[in-house]
Amino acid sequence: MTGDADTAATAEAVARRSYGKLVALLSARTRDLAAAEDALGDAFAAALAHWPAHGLPANPEAWLLTAARHRLIDAARARQTHAAAADTLLLLGEWAQAATDVAGQRTEIPDRRLALMFACAHPAIDAALRAPLMLQTLLGFDAAAIGSAFLVAPATMGQRLVRAKARIRQAGIPFAVPALADLPARLSAVLDAVYACYAEGWSDPAGTDAQRRNLADEALWLGGLLASLLPDEPEALGLLSLMLHSHARRAARRDATGRYVPLAAQDTTRWDARMLREAERLLHRAGALALAPGAGVARVGRYQLEAAIQSAHGVRRFTGVADWPAIVALYDALARLTDSPVVALNRAVALAETAGPAAGLAALEAVGGDARLADYQPAWAARADLLQRLGRHAEAAAAYDRAIGLEADPAVRAFLQQRQRGCAG
């Protein structure tokens, strides 16, 4: 491998491991995310020019932090305003205490990524922008990649992210972990943003979309970071457990020819056993924390329940059948927490496995009038399946028509069309 290739590989590894850590530290005082990102980008460019000629520093992360700090200070001085001068003094004072030795003699760099995550998920930030903002500030995704992943024009996404960063600076949104009393409400927004990242990547199981291909993996990385920074928060552990349970089945969602395989028909030998074991460990740890004496029922949250549901599906790998009674009971608990029509839909599907398709269809029709399900493909697919199982083939075919029209994934659409053809028989 050439020197340039070594340098590029090291820079890429540092970016993967430390980009968010450095952005969080650089912007903690000024709350100017855009300036911190620009300075860090310049520092990476300088590293690619400097390291091949002078050798890799003993501490690349500290080298980059120092280079970025100098660029931020130079930019503040160039503005020659009182505010900029004050920012410069604050930066100099703070970074004198940080590990910024170019030679890498000091290795301890403060980790403020958790505070940055809470800033990105602040109530003043549009909920739809919290996940994209985390992807950009913590992982270094550009606006084009984020826009493509979230089905928004790259230019539009770029403008929205710029406005969100300006909002953080202008409103003085603090880079701080909330007080214990305020943590549950704010933590929920952070968890939701990370899960939104995962859901976007999960929607491309075949990995055919270049922009979404690694999005689920990046969300898992964010979830792991969150769990490591909040090791005693049951919901942080529950979210990571949920994502790992789902991700363990990723390889089984398509067969060798690329055809869609529903959960009930998946080959469980293709499920990742190591990932499932880790998901179970996290779920048990979350349960122990949530149900510890004095913890209170409030600590059993949405993500723990959803992870438990996935765990009850996962037992099929060992017993040959999912634990449907447990799944129905868990959906009952989740419905009480969320009042979500999607939860009610999933409960109806599970109920059909324990009480028969007629009971499942009755439960589904009880929420069928909810406008939020009118254009939700899984609701129509579930209705079609239950009608088909009851022998009501004409109604089932009509429901399949609706589901097929709402489905964008060609593999899932082909699966629904195949099921619909079964109605004719």
Protein backbone atom coordinates (compact mmCIF):
# COMPACT_ATOMS: atom_id res chain seq x y z
CA MET A 1 0.00 0.00 0.00
CA THR A 2 1.37 3.43 -0.89
CA GLY A 3 1.95 6.24 1.60
CA ASP A 4 -0.94 8.21 0.15
CA ALA A 5 -3.20 5.19 0.45
CA ASP A 6 -2.09 4.70 4.08
CA THR A 7 -2.85 8.35 4.77
CA ALA A 8 -6.27 8.19 3.14
CA ALA A 9 -7.14 5.01 5.04
CA THR A 10 -6.09 6.56 8.35
CA ALA A 11 -8.04 9.75 7.64
CA GLU A 12 -11.10 7.67 6.77
CA ALA A 13 -10.78 5.63 9.98
CA VAL A 14 -10.42 8.78 12.09
CA ALA A 15 -13.41 10.33 10.35
CA ARG A 16 -15.51 7.24 11.02
CA ARG A 17 -14.51 7.04 14.66
CA SER A 18 -14.14 10.67 15.63
CA TYR A 19 -15.96 13.00 13.22
CA GLY A 20 -18.92 13.57 15.52
CA LYS A 21 -16.72 13.74 18.59
CA LEU A 22 -14.62 16.51 17.06
CA VAL A 23 -17.59 18.45 15.67
CA ALA A 24 -19.27 18.29 19.08
CA LEU A 25 -16.20 19.63 20.85
CA LEU A 26 -15.49 22.33 18.26
CA SER A 27 -19.04 23.67 18.33
CA ALA A 28 -19.81 23.26 22.03
CA ARG A 29 -18.93 26.87 22.93
CA THR A 30 -20.10 28.78 19.89
CA ARG A 31 -22.99 26.43 18.93
CA ASP A 32 -21.93 27.14 15.35
CA LEU A 33 -22.17 23.70 13.74
CA ALA A 34 -21.56 24.97 10.22
CA ALA A 35 -18.31 26.69 11.21
CA ALA A 36 -17.15 23.60 13.11
CA GLU A 37 -17.85 21.35 10.11
CA ASP A 38 -16.05 23.72 7.75
CA ALA A 39 -13.03 23.91 10.05
CA LEU A 40 -12.89 20.14 10.44
CA GLY A 41 -13.21 19.69 6.68
CA ASP A 42 -10.21 22.00 6.21
CA ALA A 43 -8.32 20.04 8.85
CA PHE A 44 -8.90 16.75 7.00
CA ALA A 45 -7.74 18.38 3.77
CA ALA A 46 -4.61 19.64 5.55
CA ALA A 47 -3.98 16.16 6.95
CA LEU A 48 -4.07 14.61 3.48
CA ALA A 49 -1.43 17.12 2.38
CA HIS A 50 0.73 17.04 5.51
CA TRP A 51 0.74 13.41 6.70
CA PRO A 52 2.20 11.76 3.56
CA ALA A 53 5.17 14.15 3.65
CA HIS A 54 5.79 14.22 7.40
CA GLY A 55 4.43 10.90 8.60
CA LEU A 56 1.32 10.04 10.57
CA PRO A 57 1.09 11.84 13.93
CA ALA A 58 1.06 9.75 17.09
CA ASN A 59 -2.49 10.98 17.77
CA PRO A 60 -4.30 11.79 14.48
CA GLU A 61 -7.46 12.80 16.34
CA ALA A 62 -5.63 15.41 18.44
CA TRP A 63 -3.78 16.67 15.33
CA LEU A 64 -7.07 17.22 13.52
CA LEU A 65 -8.61 18.94 16.54
CA THR A 66 -5.70 21.35 16.78
CA ALA A 67 -5.76 22.13 13.05
CA ALA A 68 -9.52 22.72 13.13
CA ARG A 69 -9.21 24.87 16.25
CA HIS A 70 -6.66 27.10 14.51
CA ARG A 71 -8.96 27.54 11.52
CA LEU A 72 -11.89 28.48 13.75
CA ILE A 73 -9.79 31.01 15.64
CA ASP A 74 -8.41 32.47 12.40
CA ALA A 75 -11.94 32.81 11.05
CA ALA A 76 -13.14 34.53 14.22
CA ARG A 77 -10.24 37.00 14.09
CA ALA A 78 -10.86 37.69 10.42
CA ARG A 79 -14.39 38.83 11.21
CA GLN A 80 -12.91 41.44 13.55
CA THR A 81 -16.06 41.90 15.59
CA HIS A 82 -16.44 42.10 19.34
CA ALA A 83 -18.53 38.94 19.37
CA ALA A 84 -15.94 37.09 17.33
CA ALA A 85 -13.17 38.22 19.66
CA ALA A 86 -15.16 36.97 22.64
CA ASP A 87 -15.71 33.63 20.91
CA THR A 88 -11.98 33.39 20.23
CA LEU A 89 -11.12 33.93 23.90
CA LEU A 90 -13.66 31.34 24.97
CA LEU A 91 -12.30 28.86 22.48
CA LEU A 92 -8.72 29.45 23.56
CA GLY A 93 -9.68 29.08 27.21
CA GLU A 94 -11.60 25.87 26.70
CA TRP A 95 -9.17 24.20 24.35
CA ALA A 96 -6.25 24.96 26.62
CA GLN A 97 -7.81 22.25 28.81
CA ALA A 98 -8.43 19.84 25.94
CA ALA A 99 -6.13 17.35 24.31
CA THR A 100 -4.92 19.41 21.36
CA ASP A 101 -1.20 18.68 21.27
CA VAL A 102 -0.11 18.28 17.64
CA ALA A 103 2.48 15.74 18.69
CA GLY A 104 -0.27 13.72 20.34
CA GLN A 105 1.30 13.72 23.80
CA ARG A 106 -2.12 13.97 25.41
CA THR A 107 -4.79 11.49 24.42
CA GLU A 108 -7.88 12.44 26.41
CA ILE A 109 -10.32 14.41 24.26
CA PRO A 110 -13.65 15.30 25.87
CA ASP A 111 -16.60 13.43 24.36
CA ARG A 112 -19.58 15.73 23.91
CA ARG A 113 -21.41 13.74 21.26
CA LEU A 114 -24.30 12.99 23.61
CA ALA A 115 -24.78 16.71 24.19
CA LEU A 116 -24.69 17.26 20.42
CA MET A 117 -27.37 14.60 19.94
CA PHE A 118 -29.63 16.39 22.41
CA ALA A 119 -29.00 19.69 20.63
CA CYS A 120 -29.99 18.13 17.29
CA ALA A 121 -33.17 16.76 18.88
CA HIS A 122 -34.10 19.96 20.74
CA PRO A 123 -37.83 20.84 20.62
CA ALA A 124 -36.94 23.99 18.66
CA ILE A 125 -35.66 21.84 15.77
CA ASP A 126 -38.25 20.53 13.31
CA ALA A 127 -38.87 16.86 14.16
CA ALA A 128 -38.38 15.87 10.51
CA LEU A 129 -34.87 17.35 10.55
CA ARG A 130 -33.56 15.81 13.74
CA ALA A 131 -32.45 12.52 12.17
CA PRO A 132 -30.88 14.20 9.09
CA LEU A 133 -29.09 16.69 11.35
CA MET A 134 -27.60 13.85 13.41
CA LEU A 135 -26.45 12.07 10.26
CA GLN A 136 -24.63 15.17 9.10
CA THR A 137 -23.12 16.40 12.35
CA LEU A 138 -22.28 13.06 13.97
CA LEU A 139 -21.44 10.96 10.90
CA GLY A 140 -20.42 13.54 8.29
CA PHE A 141 -23.07 12.64 5.68
CA ASP A 142 -23.44 15.31 3.01
CA ALA A 143 -26.77 16.91 2.11
CA ALA A 144 -26.98 14.97 -1.18
CA ALA A 145 -26.74 11.59 0.56
CA ILE A 146 -29.17 12.61 3.29
CA GLY A 147 -31.65 14.08 0.81
CA SER A 148 -31.61 10.92 -1.29
CA ALA A 149 -32.04 8.71 1.75
CA PHE A 150 -35.05 10.68 3.01
CA LEU A 151 -36.53 11.20 -0.47
CA VAL A 152 -35.97 14.96 -0.44
CA ALA A 153 -34.20 16.90 -3.18
CA PRO A 154 -30.54 17.36 -2.12
CA ALA A 155 -30.70 21.15 -2.57
CA THR A 156 -33.86 21.31 -0.46
CA MET A 157 -32.33 19.14 2.26
CA GLY A 158 -29.19 21.26 2.22
CA GLN A 159 -31.21 24.44 2.75
CA ARG A 160 -33.19 22.87 5.58
CA LEU A 161 -30.04 21.68 7.34
CA VAL A 162 -28.46 25.13 7.01
CA ARG A 163 -31.55 26.68 8.59
CA ALA A 164 -31.55 24.10 11.40
CA LYS A 165 -27.93 24.86 12.24
CA ALA A 166 -28.65 28.58 12.17
CA ARG A 167 -31.54 27.95 14.53
CA ILE A 168 -29.21 26.22 17.01
CA ARG A 169 -26.81 29.18 16.89
CA GLN A 170 -29.38 31.98 16.95
CA ALA A 171 -31.62 30.47 19.61
CA GLY A 172 -28.66 29.56 21.79
CA ILE A 173 -29.76 25.93 22.01
CA PRO A 174 -27.51 24.40 24.67
CA PHE A 175 -25.13 21.56 23.95
CA ALA A 176 -25.99 19.79 27.17
CA VAL A 177 -27.56 16.61 28.49
CA PRO A 178 -30.84 17.62 30.20
CA ALA A 179 -31.30 17.42 33.93
CA LEU A 180 -32.50 14.06 35.23
CA ALA A 181 -36.08 15.32 35.63
CA ASP A 182 -36.19 16.49 32.01
CA LEU A 183 -34.30 13.55 30.52
CA PRO A 184 -37.17 11.16 29.66
CA ALA A 185 -39.03 13.64 27.43
CA ARG A 186 -35.89 14.82 25.64
CA LEU A 187 -34.37 11.36 25.36
CA SER A 188 -37.46 10.20 23.48
CA ALA A 189 -36.73 12.71 20.69
CA VAL A 190 -33.13 11.48 20.41
CA LEU A 191 -34.20 7.84 20.28
CA ASP A 192 -36.89 8.61 17.70
CA ALA A 193 -34.35 10.37 15.48
CA VAL A 194 -31.93 7.43 15.60
CA TYR A 195 -34.74 4.98 14.86
CA ALA A 196 -35.89 7.14 11.94
CA CYS A 197 -32.40 6.72 10.45
CA TYR A 198 -32.69 2.96 10.87
CA ALA A 199 -36.17 2.82 9.35
CA GLU A 200 -34.94 4.62 6.22
CA GLY A 201 -32.16 2.08 5.74
CA TRP A 202 -34.47 -0.84 6.56
CA SER A 203 -36.70 0.14 3.64
CA ASP A 204 -33.94 -0.92 1.21
CA PRO A 205 -33.21 -4.50 2.33
CA ALA A 206 -31.62 -5.55 -0.93
CA GLY A 207 -29.07 -2.73 -0.74
CA THR A 208 -29.88 -1.52 -4.23
CA ASP A 209 -30.11 2.17 -3.31
CA ALA A 210 -26.55 3.50 -3.04
CA GLN A 211 -27.59 6.31 -0.69
CA ARG A 212 -29.57 4.10 1.69
CA ARG A 213 -27.31 1.08 1.54
CA ASN A 214 -25.43 1.76 4.78
CA LEU A 215 -28.01 3.92 6.53
CA ALA A 216 -29.27 1.12 8.79
CA ASP A 217 -25.67 0.29 9.73
CA GLU A 218 -24.99 3.93 10.59
CA ALA A 219 -28.14 4.03 12.74
CA LEU A 220 -26.91 0.93 14.56
CA TRP A 221 -23.62 2.74 15.15
CA LEU A 222 -25.50 5.76 16.56
CA GLY A 223 -27.63 3.45 18.71
CA GLY A 224 -24.51 1.77 20.03
CA LEU A 225 -22.98 5.15 20.82
CA LEU A 226 -26.11 6.23 22.65
CA ALA A 227 -26.24 3.00 24.66
CA SER A 228 -22.56 3.34 25.58
CA LEU A 229 -23.03 6.95 26.71
CA LEU A 230 -26.24 6.17 28.63
CA PRO A 231 -25.59 2.62 29.88
CA ASP A 232 -28.25 2.82 32.62
CA GLU A 233 -31.10 4.12 30.45
CA PRO A 234 -33.44 1.20 29.66
CA GLU A 235 -34.93 2.82 26.56
CA ALA A 236 -31.51 3.47 25.00
CA LEU A 237 -30.70 -0.21 25.49
CA GLY A 238 -34.16 -1.16 24.27
CA LEU A 239 -33.72 0.77 21.03
CA LEU A 240 -30.40 -0.90 20.27
CA SER A 241 -31.91 -4.30 21.09
CA LEU A 242 -34.84 -3.61 18.75
CA MET A 243 -32.58 -2.61 15.87
CA LEU A 244 -30.29 -5.62 16.38
CA HIS A 245 -33.24 -8.03 16.51
CA SER A 246 -34.50 -6.62 13.21
CA HIS A 247 -31.09 -6.42 11.59
CA ALA A 248 -30.30 -10.02 12.47
CA ARG A 249 -32.99 -11.07 9.96
CA ARG A 250 -31.85 -8.80 7.16
CA ALA A 251 -30.24 -11.54 5.05
CA ALA A 252 -33.42 -13.64 5.18
CA ARG A 253 -35.74 -10.93 3.79
CA ARG A 254 -34.86 -11.89 0.21
CA ASP A 255 -34.26 -15.34 -1.29
CA ALA A 256 -31.39 -16.26 -3.61
CA THR A 257 -33.24 -14.77 -6.59
CA GLY A 258 -34.09 -11.50 -4.83
CA ARG A 259 -37.73 -12.32 -4.13
CA TYR A 260 -39.35 -10.91 -0.99
CA VAL A 261 -39.77 -13.37 1.90
CA PRO A 262 -42.26 -12.42 4.66
CA LEU A 263 -41.20 -12.91 8.27
CA ALA A 264 -43.33 -16.04 8.78
CA ALA A 265 -41.68 -17.77 5.82
CA GLN A 266 -38.07 -16.76 6.47
CA ASP A 267 -35.35 -19.39 6.82
CA THR A 268 -34.31 -18.91 10.44
CA THR A 269 -30.90 -20.44 9.78
CA ARG A 270 -30.11 -17.24 7.87
CA TRP A 271 -30.76 -15.12 10.95
CA ASP A 272 -27.57 -13.80 12.56
CA ALA A 273 -27.27 -15.77 15.82
CA ARG A 274 -24.51 -13.59 17.27
CA MET A 275 -26.55 -10.44 16.69
CA LEU A 276 -29.64 -12.04 18.23
CA ARG A 277 -27.67 -13.01 21.34
CA GLU A 278 -26.45 -9.45 21.76
CA ALA A 279 -29.99 -8.13 21.24
CA GLU A 280 -31.25 -10.49 23.97
CA ARG A 281 -28.47 -9.44 26.35
CA LEU A 282 -29.38 -5.78 25.89
CA LEU A 283 -33.09 -6.49 26.34
CA HIS A 284 -32.49 -8.38 29.57
CA ARG A 285 -30.27 -5.57 30.85
CA ALA A 286 -32.94 -2.99 29.95
CA GLY A 287 -35.60 -5.03 31.74
CA ALA A 288 -33.47 -5.39 34.86
CA LEU A 289 -32.96 -1.62 34.97
CA ALA A 290 -36.57 -0.75 34.19
CA LEU A 291 -38.05 -3.17 36.72
CA ALA A 292 -35.49 -2.66 39.49
CA PRO A 293 -36.97 -1.73 42.89
CA GLY A 294 -37.84 1.95 42.86
CA ALA A 295 -37.45 2.30 39.09
CA GLY A 296 -41.17 2.75 38.46
CA VAL A 297 -43.31 1.44 35.61
CA ALA A 298 -42.58 4.59 33.58
CA ARG A 299 -39.13 3.21 32.75
CA VAL A 300 -40.67 0.43 30.65
CA GLY A 301 -40.99 2.26 27.36
CA ARG A 302 -41.89 1.84 23.73
CA TYR A 303 -38.55 0.57 22.49
CA GLN A 304 -38.23 -2.07 25.19
CA LEU A 305 -41.71 -3.37 24.32
CA GLU A 306 -40.97 -3.37 20.59
CA ALA A 307 -37.69 -5.19 21.22
CA ALA A 308 -39.57 -7.75 23.34
CA ILE A 309 -42.01 -8.29 20.46
CA GLN A 310 -39.12 -8.96 18.09
CA SER A 311 -37.63 -11.30 20.68
CA ALA A 312 -40.92 -13.23 20.79
CA HIS A 313 -40.69 -13.60 17.02
CA GLY A 314 -37.05 -14.62 17.34
CA VAL A 315 -37.80 -17.68 19.49
CA ARG A 316 -39.02 -19.35 16.27
CA ARG A 317 -35.36 -19.97 15.51
CA PHE A 318 -35.25 -22.38 18.46
CA THR A 319 -38.83 -23.66 18.82
CA GLY A 320 -40.13 -23.48 15.25
CA VAL A 321 -42.98 -21.16 16.21
CA ALA A 322 -43.25 -17.54 17.35
CA ASP A 323 -44.65 -16.86 20.83
CA TRP A 324 -47.95 -15.40 19.56
CA PRO A 325 -49.71 -15.09 22.95
CA ALA A 326 -46.76 -13.05 24.26
CA ILE A 327 -46.78 -10.93 21.10
CA VAL A 328 -50.49 -10.10 21.55
CA ALA A 329 -49.93 -9.19 25.22
CA LEU A 330 -46.94 -7.00 24.35
CA TYR A 331 -48.94 -5.21 21.66
CA ASP A 332 -51.66 -4.60 24.25
CA ALA A 333 -49.10 -2.92 26.49
CA LEU A 334 -47.64 -0.96 23.58
CA ALA A 335 -51.12 0.22 22.54
CA ARG A 336 -51.68 1.64 26.01
CA LEU A 337 -48.44 3.59 25.70
CA THR A 338 -48.75 4.90 22.15
CA ASP A 339 -52.39 4.83 21.02
CA SER A 340 -50.99 4.10 17.56
CA PRO A 341 -53.17 2.68 14.77
CA VAL A 342 -50.14 0.80 13.43
CA VAL A 343 -49.75 -0.93 16.80
CA ALA A 344 -53.46 -1.82 16.70
CA LEU A 345 -52.99 -3.20 13.17
CA ASN A 346 -50.05 -5.36 14.23
CA ARG A 347 -51.99 -6.59 17.26
CA ALA A 348 -54.85 -7.64 14.96
CA VAL A 349 -52.42 -9.66 12.81
CA ALA A 350 -51.00 -11.34 15.93
CA LEU A 351 -54.50 -12.00 17.29
CA ALA A 352 -55.34 -13.87 14.09
CA GLU A 353 -52.58 -16.34 15.00
CA THR A 354 -54.02 -17.06 18.46
CA ALA A 355 -57.78 -16.64 17.96
CA GLY A 356 -58.21 -17.17 14.22
CA PRO A 357 -58.56 -14.93 11.16
CA ALA A 358 -62.14 -13.87 12.01
CA ALA A 359 -61.00 -12.42 15.34
CA GLY A 360 -58.05 -10.77 13.64
CA LEU A 361 -60.26 -9.22 10.95
CA ALA A 362 -62.71 -7.92 13.56
CA ALA A 363 -59.86 -6.26 15.45
CA LEU A 364 -58.51 -4.81 12.21
CA GLU A 365 -61.90 -3.42 11.20
CA ALA A 366 -62.19 -1.75 14.60
CA VAL A 367 -59.35 0.58 13.58
CA GLY A 368 -59.91 0.44 9.82
CA GLY A 369 -61.59 3.83 9.81
CA ASP A 370 -58.51 5.62 11.11
CA ALA A 371 -57.42 8.07 8.39
CA ARG A 372 -53.77 7.38 9.20
CA LEU A 373 -54.17 3.86 7.78
CA ALA A 374 -55.98 4.89 4.59
CA ASP A 375 -52.79 4.85 2.50
CA TYR A 376 -50.76 2.47 4.64
CA GLN A 377 -49.85 -0.54 2.50
CA PRO A 378 -49.40 -3.06 5.37
CA ALA A 379 -52.96 -2.38 6.54
CA TRP A 380 -54.39 -3.34 3.14
CA ALA A 381 -52.05 -6.32 2.80
CA ALA A 382 -53.07 -7.58 6.24
CA ARG A 383 -56.75 -7.13 5.42
CA ALA A 384 -56.30 -8.99 2.13
CA ASP A 385 -54.54 -11.90 3.84
CA LEU A 386 -57.21 -12.28 6.53
CA LEU A 387 -60.04 -12.10 3.98
CA GLN A 388 -58.27 -14.70 1.85
CA ARG A 389 -57.89 -17.03 4.83
CA LEU A 390 -61.63 -16.66 5.47
CA GLY A 391 -62.45 -17.59 1.87
CA ARG A 392 -63.74 -14.13 0.96
CA HIS A 393 -61.69 -14.08 -2.23
CA ALA A 394 -63.33 -11.23 -4.14
CA GLU A 395 -62.90 -8.87 -1.19
CA ALA A 396 -59.36 -10.12 -0.69
CA ALA A 397 -58.48 -9.46 -4.34
CA ALA A 398 -59.79 -5.90 -4.05
CA ALA A 399 -57.71 -5.31 -0.90
CA TYR A 400 -54.65 -6.72 -2.68
CA ASP A 401 -55.28 -4.26 -5.52
CA ARG A 402 -55.08 -1.40 -3.04
CA ALA A 403 -51.95 -2.78 -1.34
CA ILE A 404 -50.20 -3.34 -4.68
CA GLY A 405 -50.96 0.21 -5.77
CA LEU A 406 -49.44 1.60 -2.57
CA GLU A 407 -46.25 -0.50 -2.62
CA ALA A 408 -43.08 1.00 -4.13
CA ASP A 409 -40.72 -1.97 -3.62
CA PRO A 410 -40.85 -4.16 -6.77
CA ALA A 411 -40.07 -7.34 -4.81
CA VAL A 412 -42.86 -6.76 -2.28
CA ARG A 413 -45.24 -5.78 -5.08
CA ALA A 414 -44.49 -9.04 -6.92
CA PHE A 415 -45.14 -10.99 -3.71
CA LEU A 416 -48.52 -9.29 -3.26
CA GLN A 417 -49.42 -9.97 -6.88
CA GLN A 418 -48.61 -13.64 -6.40
CA ARG A 419 -50.83 -13.77 -3.30
CA GLN A 420 -53.59 -12.03 -5.22
CA ARG A 421 -53.46 -14.67 -7.94
CA GLY A 422 -54.18 -17.21 -5.24
CA CYS A 423 -57.57 -15.58 -4.71
CA ALA A 424 -58.67 -16.76 -8.17
CA GLY A 425 -58.04 -20.35 -7.14
